C-alpha atoms as a PDB file:
ATOM      1  CA  UNK A   1      72.445  56.315 162.656  1.00  0.00           C
ATOM      2  CA  UNK A   2      70.358  57.911 159.858  1.00  0.00           C
ATOM      3  CA  UNK A   3      67.249  56.160 158.601  1.00  0.00           C
ATOM      4  CA  UNK A   4      67.360  54.333 155.277  1.00  0.00           C
ATOM      5  CA  UNK A   5      65.366  57.107 153.600  1.00  0.00           C
ATOM      6  CA  UNK A   6      67.638  59.815 155.020  1.00  0.00           C
ATOM      7  CA  UNK A   7      70.690  57.867 153.865  1.00  0.00           C
ATOM      8  CA  UNK A   8      69.143  57.492 150.405  1.00  0.00           C
ATOM      9  CA  UNK A   9      68.419  61.219 150.196  1.00  0.00           C
ATOM     10  CA  UNK A  10      72.032  61.958 151.116  1.00  0.00           C
ATOM     11  CA  UNK A  11      73.201  60.025 148.051  1.00  0.00           C
ATOM     12  CA  UNK A  12      71.282  62.280 145.649  1.00  0.00           C
ATOM     13  CA  UNK A  13      72.784  65.455 144.217  1.00  0.00           C
ATOM     14  CA  UNK A  14      69.677  67.632 144.483  1.00  0.00           C
ATOM     15  CA  UNK A  15      66.005  67.695 143.542  1.00  0.00           C
ATOM     16  CA  UNK A  16      66.794  70.520 141.123  1.00  0.00           C
ATOM     17  CA  UNK A  17      69.172  68.481 138.987  1.00  0.00           C
ATOM     18  CA  UNK A  18      67.871  64.923 139.230  1.00  0.00           C
ATOM     19  CA  UNK A  19      65.957  63.567 136.229  1.00  0.00           C
ATOM     20  CA  UNK A  20      62.616  61.736 136.493  1.00  0.00           C
ATOM     21  CA  UNK A  21      63.877  58.433 135.051  1.00  0.00           C
ATOM     22  CA  UNK A  22      66.907  58.548 137.343  1.00  0.00           C
ATOM     23  CA  UNK A  23      64.752  59.209 140.416  1.00  0.00           C
ATOM     24  CA  UNK A  24      62.251  56.543 139.423  1.00  0.00           C
ATOM     25  CA  UNK A  25      64.671  53.804 138.349  1.00  0.00           C
ATOM     26  CA  UNK A  26      68.443  54.337 138.486  1.00  0.00           C
ATOM     27  CA  UNK A  27      68.804  56.118 141.831  1.00  0.00           C
ATOM     28  CA  UNK A  28      66.734  53.677 143.969  1.00  0.00           C
ATOM     29  CA  UNK A  29      68.409  50.660 142.364  1.00  0.00           C
ATOM     30  CA  UNK A  30      71.801  52.367 142.506  1.00  0.00           C
ATOM     31  CA  UNK A  31      71.296  53.016 146.222  1.00  0.00           C
ATOM     32  CA  UNK A  32      70.645  49.347 146.924  1.00  0.00           C
ATOM     33  CA  UNK A  33      73.674  48.389 144.838  1.00  0.00           C
ATOM     34  CA  UNK A  34      75.759  50.959 146.711  1.00  0.00           C
ATOM     35  CA  UNK A  35      74.670  49.486 150.064  1.00  0.00           C
ATOM     36  CA  UNK A  36      75.792  46.041 148.897  1.00  0.00           C
ATOM     37  CA  UNK A  37      79.061  47.423 147.546  1.00  0.00           C
ATOM     38  CA  UNK A  38      79.785  49.150 150.867  1.00  0.00           C
ATOM     39  CA  UNK A  39      79.291  45.869 152.733  1.00  0.00           C
ATOM     40  CA  UNK A  40      81.654  44.107 150.309  1.00  0.00           C
ATOM     41  CA  UNK A  41      84.236  46.917 150.591  1.00  0.00           C
ATOM     42  CA  UNK A  42      83.965  47.691 146.884  1.00  0.00           C
ATOM     43  CA  UNK A  43      85.136  51.227 146.090  1.00  0.00           C
ATOM     44  CA  UNK A  44      83.387  53.729 143.789  1.00  0.00           C
ATOM     45  CA  UNK A  45      86.336  53.653 141.366  1.00  0.00           C
ATOM     46  CA  UNK A  46      86.092  49.866 141.051  1.00  0.00           C
ATOM     47  CA  UNK A  47      82.436  50.223 140.065  1.00  0.00           C
ATOM     48  CA  UNK A  48      83.305  52.962 137.549  1.00  0.00           C
ATOM     49  CA  UNK A  49      85.947  50.779 135.888  1.00  0.00           C
ATOM     50  CA  UNK A  50      83.439  47.911 135.665  1.00  0.00           C
ATOM     51  CA  UNK A  51      80.951  50.269 133.992  1.00  0.00           C
ATOM     52  CA  UNK A  52      83.549  51.139 131.337  1.00  0.00           C
ATOM     53  CA  UNK A  53      83.879  47.518 130.224  1.00  0.00           C
ATOM     54  CA  UNK A  54      80.127  46.857 130.371  1.00  0.00           C
ATOM     55  CA  UNK A  55      79.293  49.998 128.374  1.00  0.00           C
ATOM     56  CA  UNK A  56      81.936  49.223 125.735  1.00  0.00           C
ATOM     57  CA  UNK A  57      80.623  45.645 125.424  1.00  0.00           C
ATOM     58  CA  UNK A  58      77.112  47.040 124.931  1.00  0.00           C
ATOM     59  CA  UNK A  59      78.357  49.228 122.086  1.00  0.00           C
ATOM     60  CA  UNK A  60      79.933  46.265 120.291  1.00  0.00           C
ATOM     61  CA  UNK A  61      76.586  44.453 120.247  1.00  0.00           C
ATOM     62  CA  UNK A  62      75.001  47.360 118.361  1.00  0.00           C
ATOM     63  CA  UNK A  63      77.065  46.424 115.299  1.00  0.00           C
ATOM     64  CA  UNK A  64      74.853  43.451 114.473  1.00  0.00           C
ATOM     65  CA  UNK A  65      71.629  43.839 112.513  1.00  0.00           C
ATOM     66  CA  UNK A  66      69.984  41.467 114.968  1.00  0.00           C
ATOM     67  CA  UNK A  67      67.338  42.917 117.246  1.00  0.00           C
ATOM     68  CA  UNK A  68      67.919  40.416 120.043  1.00  0.00           C
ATOM     69  CA  UNK A  69      71.640  41.157 120.172  1.00  0.00           C
ATOM     70  CA  UNK A  70      70.778  44.837 120.135  1.00  0.00           C
ATOM     71  CA  UNK A  71      68.378  44.311 123.046  1.00  0.00           C
ATOM     72  CA  UNK A  72      71.140  42.589 125.023  1.00  0.00           C
ATOM     73  CA  UNK A  73      73.353  45.565 124.211  1.00  0.00           C
ATOM     74  CA  UNK A  74      70.629  47.928 125.436  1.00  0.00           C
ATOM     75  CA  UNK A  75      70.343  46.021 128.719  1.00  0.00           C
ATOM     76  CA  UNK A  76      74.118  46.102 129.167  1.00  0.00           C
ATOM     77  CA  UNK A  77      74.161  49.848 128.510  1.00  0.00           C
ATOM     78  CA  UNK A  78      71.446  50.306 131.129  1.00  0.00           C
ATOM     79  CA  UNK A  79      73.551  48.228 133.538  1.00  0.00           C
ATOM     80  CA  UNK A  80      76.583  50.407 132.802  1.00  0.00           C
ATOM     81  CA  UNK A  81      74.513  53.501 133.551  1.00  0.00           C
ATOM     82  CA  UNK A  82      73.239  51.878 136.753  1.00  0.00           C
ATOM     83  CA  UNK A  83      76.855  51.407 137.815  1.00  0.00           C
ATOM     84  CA  UNK A  84      77.529  55.025 136.848  1.00  0.00           C
ATOM     85  CA  UNK A  85      74.755  56.040 139.240  1.00  0.00           C
ATOM     86  CA  UNK A  86      75.986  53.620 141.913  1.00  0.00           C
ATOM     87  CA  UNK A  87      79.560  54.908 142.004  1.00  0.00           C
ATOM     88  CA  UNK A  88      78.462  58.480 142.744  1.00  0.00           C
ATOM     89  CA  UNK A  89      75.916  57.388 145.336  1.00  0.00           C
ATOM     90  CA  UNK A  90      78.474  55.141 147.010  1.00  0.00           C
ATOM     91  CA  UNK A  91      81.018  57.980 147.046  1.00  0.00           C
ATOM     92  CA  UNK A  92      78.529  60.335 148.708  1.00  0.00           C
ATOM     93  CA  UNK A  93      77.323  57.634 151.104  1.00  0.00           C
ATOM     94  CA  UNK A  94      80.841  56.743 152.287  1.00  0.00           C
ATOM     95  CA  UNK A  95      82.326  60.239 151.813  1.00  0.00           C
ATOM     96  CA  UNK A  96      84.857  58.679 149.461  1.00  0.00           C
ATOM     97  CA  UNK A  97      85.017  61.440 146.857  1.00  0.00           C
ATOM     98  CA  UNK A  98      88.299  61.732 144.962  1.00  0.00           C
ATOM     99  CA  UNK A  99      89.599  63.686 141.995  1.00  0.00           C
ATOM    100  CA  UNK A 100      90.432  60.411 140.269  1.00  0.00           C
ATOM    101  CA  UNK A 101      86.851  59.281 140.771  1.00  0.00           C
ATOM    102  CA  UNK A 102      85.505  62.454 139.173  1.00  0.00           C
ATOM    103  CA  UNK A 103      87.878  62.031 136.218  1.00  0.00           C
ATOM    104  CA  UNK A 104      87.019  58.360 135.779  1.00  0.00           C
ATOM    105  CA  UNK A 105      83.315  59.137 135.906  1.00  0.00           C
ATOM    106  CA  UNK A 106      83.623  61.489 132.940  1.00  0.00           C
ATOM    107  CA  UNK A 107      85.944  59.174 131.029  1.00  0.00           C
ATOM    108  CA  UNK A 108      83.578  56.215 131.459  1.00  0.00           C
ATOM    109  CA  UNK A 109      80.664  57.778 129.590  1.00  0.00           C
ATOM    110  CA  UNK A 110      82.932  58.971 126.789  1.00  0.00           C
ATOM    111  CA  UNK A 111      84.382  55.483 126.329  1.00  0.00           C
ATOM    112  CA  UNK A 112      80.883  53.983 126.067  1.00  0.00           C
ATOM    113  CA  UNK A 113      79.860  56.420 123.388  1.00  0.00           C
ATOM    114  CA  UNK A 114      83.159  56.409 121.476  1.00  0.00           C
ATOM    115  CA  UNK A 115      82.614  52.667 121.111  1.00  0.00           C
ATOM    116  CA  UNK A 116      78.986  53.186 120.100  1.00  0.00           C
ATOM    117  CA  UNK A 117      79.783  55.827 117.463  1.00  0.00           C
ATOM    118  CA  UNK A 118      82.514  53.732 115.865  1.00  0.00           C
ATOM    119  CA  UNK A 119      80.373  50.596 115.896  1.00  0.00           C
ATOM    120  CA  UNK A 120      77.355  52.360 114.392  1.00  0.00           C
ATOM    121  CA  UNK A 121      79.537  53.832 111.639  1.00  0.00           C
ATOM    122  CA  UNK A 122      80.927  50.378 110.792  1.00  0.00           C
ATOM    123  CA  UNK A 123      77.389  48.967 110.825  1.00  0.00           C
ATOM    124  CA  UNK A 124      76.171  51.617 108.382  1.00  0.00           C
ATOM    125  CA  UNK A 125      79.128  50.896 106.097  1.00  0.00           C
ATOM    126  CA  UNK A 126      78.516  47.137 106.290  1.00  0.00           C
ATOM    127  CA  UNK A 127      74.830  47.372 105.394  1.00  0.00           C
ATOM    128  CA  UNK A 128      75.405  49.739 102.477  1.00  0.00           C
ATOM    129  CA  UNK A 129      71.922  51.175 103.040  1.00  0.00           C
ATOM    130  CA  UNK A 130      73.144  54.722 102.423  1.00  0.00           C
ATOM    131  CA  UNK A 131      74.672  55.196  99.000  1.00  0.00           C
ATOM    132  CA  UNK A 132      77.271  57.646 100.257  1.00  0.00           C
ATOM    133  CA  UNK A 133      81.063  57.582  99.958  1.00  0.00           C
ATOM    134  CA  UNK A 134      82.596  55.956 103.026  1.00  0.00           C
ATOM    135  CA  UNK A 135      84.386  59.150 103.956  1.00  0.00           C
ATOM    136  CA  UNK A 136      81.084  60.998 104.371  1.00  0.00           C
ATOM    137  CA  UNK A 137      79.742  58.316 106.695  1.00  0.00           C
ATOM    138  CA  UNK A 138      82.839  58.800 108.863  1.00  0.00           C
ATOM    139  CA  UNK A 139      82.587  62.599 108.697  1.00  0.00           C
ATOM    140  CA  UNK A 140      78.996  62.489 109.961  1.00  0.00           C
ATOM    141  CA  UNK A 141      79.807  59.935 112.688  1.00  0.00           C
ATOM    142  CA  UNK A 142      82.951  61.782 113.797  1.00  0.00           C
ATOM    143  CA  UNK A 143      81.185  65.155 113.892  1.00  0.00           C
ATOM    144  CA  UNK A 144      78.285  63.692 115.869  1.00  0.00           C
ATOM    145  CA  UNK A 145      80.767  62.154 118.315  1.00  0.00           C
ATOM    146  CA  UNK A 146      82.527  65.475 118.848  1.00  0.00           C
ATOM    147  CA  UNK A 147      79.168  67.140 119.421  1.00  0.00           C
ATOM    148  CA  UNK A 148      78.286  64.457 121.951  1.00  0.00           C
ATOM    149  CA  UNK A 149      81.393  65.308 123.978  1.00  0.00           C
ATOM    150  CA  UNK A 150      80.389  68.982 123.910  1.00  0.00           C
ATOM    151  CA  UNK A 151      76.836  68.143 125.017  1.00  0.00           C
ATOM    152  CA  UNK A 152      78.024  66.030 127.941  1.00  0.00           C
ATOM    153  CA  UNK A 153      80.644  68.567 129.023  1.00  0.00           C
ATOM    154  CA  UNK A 154      78.413  71.634 129.108  1.00  0.00           C
ATOM    155  CA  UNK A 155      75.440  69.795 130.654  1.00  0.00           C
ATOM    156  CA  UNK A 156      77.674  68.458 133.439  1.00  0.00           C
ATOM    157  CA  UNK A 157      79.190  71.920 133.921  1.00  0.00           C
ATOM    158  CA  UNK A 158      75.846  73.700 134.230  1.00  0.00           C
ATOM    159  CA  UNK A 159      74.666  71.153 136.774  1.00  0.00           C
ATOM    160  CA  UNK A 160      77.797  71.667 138.859  1.00  0.00           C
ATOM    161  CA  UNK A 161      77.413  75.448 138.611  1.00  0.00           C
ATOM    162  CA  UNK A 162      73.848  75.129 139.872  1.00  0.00           C
ATOM    163  CA  UNK A 163      74.949  72.920 142.789  1.00  0.00           C
ATOM    164  CA  UNK A 164      77.763  75.352 143.598  1.00  0.00           C
ATOM    165  CA  UNK A 165      75.292  78.194 144.107  1.00  0.00           C
ATOM    166  CA  UNK A 166      72.824  75.938 145.919  1.00  0.00           C
ATOM    167  CA  UNK A 167      75.519  75.298 148.522  1.00  0.00           C
ATOM    168  CA  UNK A 168      76.631  78.954 148.652  1.00  0.00           C
ATOM    169  CA  UNK A 169      80.003  78.195 147.099  1.00  0.00           C
ATOM    170  CA  UNK A 170      80.894  75.608 149.750  1.00  0.00           C
ATOM    171  CA  UNK A 171      80.331  72.379 147.858  1.00  0.00           C
ATOM    172  CA  UNK A 172      79.674  70.810 144.513  1.00  0.00           C
ATOM    173  CA  UNK A 173      82.234  69.650 141.983  1.00  0.00           C
ATOM    174  CA  UNK A 174      82.891  72.911 140.144  1.00  0.00           C
ATOM    175  CA  UNK A 175      86.505  72.647 139.016  1.00  0.00           C
ATOM    176  CA  UNK A 176      88.769  75.128 137.254  1.00  0.00           C
ATOM    177  CA  UNK A 177      91.511  74.235 134.783  1.00  0.00           C
ATOM    178  CA  UNK A 178      94.282  76.244 136.532  1.00  0.00           C
ATOM    179  CA  UNK A 179      94.748  74.012 139.612  1.00  0.00           C
ATOM    180  CA  UNK A 180      94.369  70.925 137.400  1.00  0.00           C
ATOM    181  CA  UNK A 181      97.118  72.324 135.171  1.00  0.00           C
ATOM    182  CA  UNK A 182      99.329  72.770 138.250  1.00  0.00           C
ATOM    183  CA  UNK A 183      98.656  69.173 139.308  1.00  0.00           C
ATOM    184  CA  UNK A 184      99.498  68.039 135.776  1.00  0.00           C
ATOM    185  CA  UNK A 185     102.852  69.850 135.852  1.00  0.00           C
ATOM    186  CA  UNK A 186     103.787  68.440 139.245  1.00  0.00           C
ATOM    187  CA  UNK A 187     102.777  64.885 138.330  1.00  0.00           C
ATOM    188  CA  UNK A 188     105.585  62.688 137.012  1.00  0.00           C
ATOM    189  CA  UNK A 189     104.748  60.456 134.061  1.00  0.00           C
ATOM    190  CA  UNK A 190     107.466  57.996 135.140  1.00  0.00           C
ATOM    191  CA  UNK A 191     106.027  57.644 138.657  1.00  0.00           C
ATOM    192  CA  UNK A 192     102.294  58.083 138.012  1.00  0.00           C
ATOM    193  CA  UNK A 193     101.575  57.433 134.312  1.00  0.00           C
ATOM    194  CA  UNK A 194      97.870  56.681 134.759  1.00  0.00           C
ATOM    195  CA  UNK A 195      97.229  59.780 136.868  1.00  0.00           C
ATOM    196  CA  UNK A 196      99.240  61.908 134.428  1.00  0.00           C
ATOM    197  CA  UNK A 197      97.116  60.783 131.478  1.00  0.00           C
ATOM    198  CA  UNK A 198      93.884  61.190 133.444  1.00  0.00           C
ATOM    199  CA  UNK A 199      94.846  64.709 134.498  1.00  0.00           C
ATOM    200  CA  UNK A 200      95.695  65.595 130.909  1.00  0.00           C
ATOM    201  CA  UNK A 201      92.231  64.530 129.729  1.00  0.00           C
ATOM    202  CA  UNK A 202      90.522  66.226 132.666  1.00  0.00           C
ATOM    203  CA  UNK A 203      92.429  69.472 132.129  1.00  0.00           C
ATOM    204  CA  UNK A 204      91.292  69.521 128.495  1.00  0.00           C
ATOM    205  CA  UNK A 205      87.735  68.612 129.500  1.00  0.00           C
ATOM    206  CA  UNK A 206      87.613  71.488 131.992  1.00  0.00           C
ATOM    207  CA  UNK A 207      89.119  73.945 129.504  1.00  0.00           C
ATOM    208  CA  UNK A 208      86.439  72.907 127.030  1.00  0.00           C
ATOM    209  CA  UNK A 209      83.728  73.726 129.597  1.00  0.00           C
ATOM    210  CA  UNK A 210      85.313  77.100 130.298  1.00  0.00           C
ATOM    211  CA  UNK A 211      85.598  77.941 126.594  1.00  0.00           C
ATOM    212  CA  UNK A 212      81.847  77.391 126.203  1.00  0.00           C
ATOM    213  CA  UNK A 213      80.997  79.723 129.111  1.00  0.00           C
ATOM    214  CA  UNK A 214      82.989  82.995 128.801  1.00  0.00           C
ATOM    215  CA  UNK A 215      80.406  85.164 130.581  1.00  0.00           C
ATOM    216  CA  UNK A 216      80.208  82.756 133.478  1.00  0.00           C
ATOM    217  CA  UNK A 217      84.023  82.781 133.730  1.00  0.00           C
ATOM    218  CA  UNK A 218      84.004  86.572 134.137  1.00  0.00           C
ATOM    219  CA  UNK A 219      81.185  86.356 136.662  1.00  0.00           C
ATOM    220  CA  UNK A 220      82.784  83.648 138.825  1.00  0.00           C
ATOM    221  CA  UNK A 221      86.200  85.345 138.676  1.00  0.00           C
ATOM    222  CA  UNK A 222      84.639  88.569 139.951  1.00  0.00           C
ATOM    223  CA  UNK A 223      82.795  86.683 142.698  1.00  0.00           C
ATOM    224  CA  UNK A 224      85.967  84.968 143.871  1.00  0.00           C
ATOM    225  CA  UNK A 225      87.747  88.328 143.969  1.00  0.00           C
ATOM    226  CA  UNK A 226      84.952  89.901 146.004  1.00  0.00           C
ATOM    227  CA  UNK A 227      84.414  86.784 148.188  1.00  0.00           C
ATOM    228  CA  UNK A 228      87.879  85.207 148.624  1.00  0.00           C
ATOM    229  CA  UNK A 229      86.638  82.703 151.223  1.00  0.00           C
ATOM    230  CA  UNK A 230      83.729  81.634 149.000  1.00  0.00           C
ATOM    231  CA  UNK A 231      81.263  83.190 151.431  1.00  0.00           C
ATOM    232  CA  UNK A 232      78.792  83.992 148.697  1.00  0.00           C
ATOM    233  CA  UNK A 233      75.817  86.221 149.558  1.00  0.00           C
ATOM    234  CA  UNK A 234      72.741  84.112 150.206  1.00  0.00           C
ATOM    235  CA  UNK A 235      70.426  86.422 148.274  1.00  0.00           C
ATOM    236  CA  UNK A 236      72.670  86.269 145.200  1.00  0.00           C
ATOM    237  CA  UNK A 237      72.841  82.460 145.419  1.00  0.00           C
ATOM    238  CA  UNK A 238      69.064  82.199 145.786  1.00  0.00           C
ATOM    239  CA  UNK A 239      68.510  84.442 142.775  1.00  0.00           C
ATOM    240  CA  UNK A 240      71.042  82.530 140.674  1.00  0.00           C
ATOM    241  CA  UNK A 241      69.448  79.202 141.612  1.00  0.00           C
ATOM    242  CA  UNK A 242      65.984  80.487 140.687  1.00  0.00           C
ATOM    243  CA  UNK A 243      67.156  81.611 137.256  1.00  0.00           C
ATOM    244  CA  UNK A 244      69.345  78.562 136.651  1.00  0.00           C
ATOM    245  CA  UNK A 245      66.795  75.926 137.673  1.00  0.00           C
ATOM    246  CA  UNK A 246      64.646  76.162 134.472  1.00  0.00           C
ATOM    247  CA  UNK A 247      67.757  75.306 132.445  1.00  0.00           C
ATOM    248  CA  UNK A 248      68.292  72.031 134.302  1.00  0.00           C
ATOM    249  CA  UNK A 249      65.663  70.297 132.158  1.00  0.00           C
ATOM    250  CA  UNK A 250      67.843  71.000 129.115  1.00  0.00           C
ATOM    251  CA  UNK A 251      70.915  69.534 130.802  1.00  0.00           C
ATOM    252  CA  UNK A 252      68.838  66.407 131.448  1.00  0.00           C
ATOM    253  CA  UNK A 253      67.888  66.152 127.769  1.00  0.00           C
ATOM    254  CA  UNK A 254      71.561  66.333 126.792  1.00  0.00           C
ATOM    255  CA  UNK A 255      72.505  63.596 129.226  1.00  0.00           C
ATOM    256  CA  UNK A 256      72.102  59.815 129.089  1.00  0.00           C
ATOM    257  CA  UNK A 257      68.398  58.987 129.139  1.00  0.00           C
ATOM    258  CA  UNK A 258      67.039  61.014 126.207  1.00  0.00           C
ATOM    259  CA  UNK A 259      69.851  60.121 123.850  1.00  0.00           C
ATOM    260  CA  UNK A 260      69.748  56.434 124.772  1.00  0.00           C
ATOM    261  CA  UNK A 261      65.965  56.204 124.306  1.00  0.00           C
ATOM    262  CA  UNK A 262      66.482  57.723 120.853  1.00  0.00           C
ATOM    263  CA  UNK A 263      69.319  55.292 120.142  1.00  0.00           C
ATOM    264  CA  UNK A 264      67.124  52.360 121.123  1.00  0.00           C
ATOM    265  CA  UNK A 265      64.338  53.556 118.804  1.00  0.00           C
ATOM    266  CA  UNK A 266      66.801  53.893 115.917  1.00  0.00           C
ATOM    267  CA  UNK A 267      68.131  50.391 116.544  1.00  0.00           C
ATOM    268  CA  UNK A 268      64.632  48.945 116.822  1.00  0.00           C
ATOM    269  CA  UNK A 269      63.836  50.231 113.332  1.00  0.00           C
ATOM    270  CA  UNK A 270      67.316  49.256 112.066  1.00  0.00           C
ATOM    271  CA  UNK A 271      68.160  52.887 111.267  1.00  0.00           C
ATOM    272  CA  UNK A 272      71.266  53.574 113.393  1.00  0.00           C
ATOM    273  CA  UNK A 273      72.437  56.373 111.102  1.00  0.00           C
ATOM    274  CA  UNK A 274      69.450  58.491 112.154  1.00  0.00           C
ATOM    275  CA  UNK A 275      70.934  58.667 115.644  1.00  0.00           C
ATOM    276  CA  UNK A 276      73.800  60.772 114.292  1.00  0.00           C
ATOM    277  CA  UNK A 277      71.324  63.280 112.869  1.00  0.00           C
ATOM    278  CA  UNK A 278      69.508  63.422 116.193  1.00  0.00           C
ATOM    279  CA  UNK A 279      72.816  64.418 117.761  1.00  0.00           C
ATOM    280  CA  UNK A 280      73.677  66.916 115.048  1.00  0.00           C
ATOM    281  CA  UNK A 281      70.301  68.604 114.666  1.00  0.00           C
ATOM    282  CA  UNK A 282      68.122  68.159 117.765  1.00  0.00           C
ATOM    283  CA  UNK A 283      70.693  68.006 120.556  1.00  0.00           C
ATOM    284  CA  UNK A 284      72.916  70.676 119.026  1.00  0.00           C
ATOM    285  CA  UNK A 285      69.938  73.016 118.808  1.00  0.00           C
ATOM    286  CA  UNK A 286      69.091  72.391 122.464  1.00  0.00           C
ATOM    287  CA  UNK A 287      72.713  72.906 123.503  1.00  0.00           C
ATOM    288  CA  UNK A 288      73.042  76.206 121.638  1.00  0.00           C
ATOM    289  CA  UNK A 289      69.768  77.471 123.089  1.00  0.00           C
ATOM    290  CA  UNK A 290      70.827  76.466 126.591  1.00  0.00           C
ATOM    291  CA  UNK A 291      74.241  78.119 126.256  1.00  0.00           C
ATOM    292  CA  UNK A 292      72.660  81.308 124.922  1.00  0.00           C
ATOM    293  CA  UNK A 293      70.276  81.555 127.880  1.00  0.00           C
ATOM    294  CA  UNK A 294      72.912  80.702 130.468  1.00  0.00           C
ATOM    295  CA  UNK A 295      75.433  83.179 129.064  1.00  0.00           C
ATOM    296  CA  UNK A 296      72.862  85.993 128.966  1.00  0.00           C
ATOM    297  CA  UNK A 297      71.946  85.210 132.556  1.00  0.00           C
ATOM    298  CA  UNK A 298      75.588  85.245 133.704  1.00  0.00           C
ATOM    299  CA  UNK A 299      76.261  88.488 131.849  1.00  0.00           C
ATOM    300  CA  UNK A 300      73.434  90.179 133.763  1.00  0.00           C
ATOM    301  CA  UNK A 301      74.740  88.883 137.074  1.00  0.00           C
ATOM    302  CA  UNK A 302      78.226  90.114 136.220  1.00  0.00           C
ATOM    303  CA  UNK A 303      77.002  93.578 135.263  1.00  0.00           C
ATOM    304  CA  UNK A 304      74.919  93.778 138.443  1.00  0.00           C
ATOM    305  CA  UNK A 305      77.798  92.981 140.819  1.00  0.00           C
ATOM    306  CA  UNK A 306      80.206  95.266 138.931  1.00  0.00           C
ATOM    307  CA  UNK A 307      77.745  98.155 139.265  1.00  0.00           C
ATOM    308  CA  UNK A 308      77.115  97.611 142.970  1.00  0.00           C
END
């Protein structure tokens, strides 16, 4: 039986992709929660569903111009994120990884933030602090929300790409839209309505990731042609990991912790509308820079293997 530390390490994705706050706070606490959940026979998907309701409830509390209610909302959002960490750690600990679990995990975060964006927009309209037409408030909020989905999708994708090459093409959660599309076609809405809807969202999510990474798509397609059994050359994987690793800090910025710290600051100063501009200006700039670097890197790898 593995030691507690070894078991804990097995629940982490990798040192390359884990963020400091997660390693310091969420992962250790999530591990203990996962141990308790395993003893109680609670599944990862059950924890994910619970996180959806907790995160949505947190968002509702951000409507009120009351700092204490906002603080309760912040604590609930942290709890939702703890559960989001727990479900993945529990899945890796118990080897209970499913496609539905991966889909639910992505849906959960989007539901939290859809609630938050709507609530913040209503709060801005209710306070009347900004003397703008209502339609412009909604345009800014809606655009920021769309950008948020893009940030989360590409950051998650780059992490999974990195893990794929770390494990020499044998592991990770790097999905492609084609097999998901096939599953969607074979799934009956009358027999499995929930799975059908989930697959539809996940297919679109994966297509969105692929649309943002055309050079990587050419590179991975060429690799799969040259290495049909996913026996990727170790030297190529090592080189890709070395060049990809510096970009992981940008994926971390686009994920939960940075944006939530900023959200909390905006709420503390009763300026929720500024959070939208953080999304639109700061995070968009980071995303575009990250995509540019990753695409240039993948283009070079593609050219190199074509010319071999």
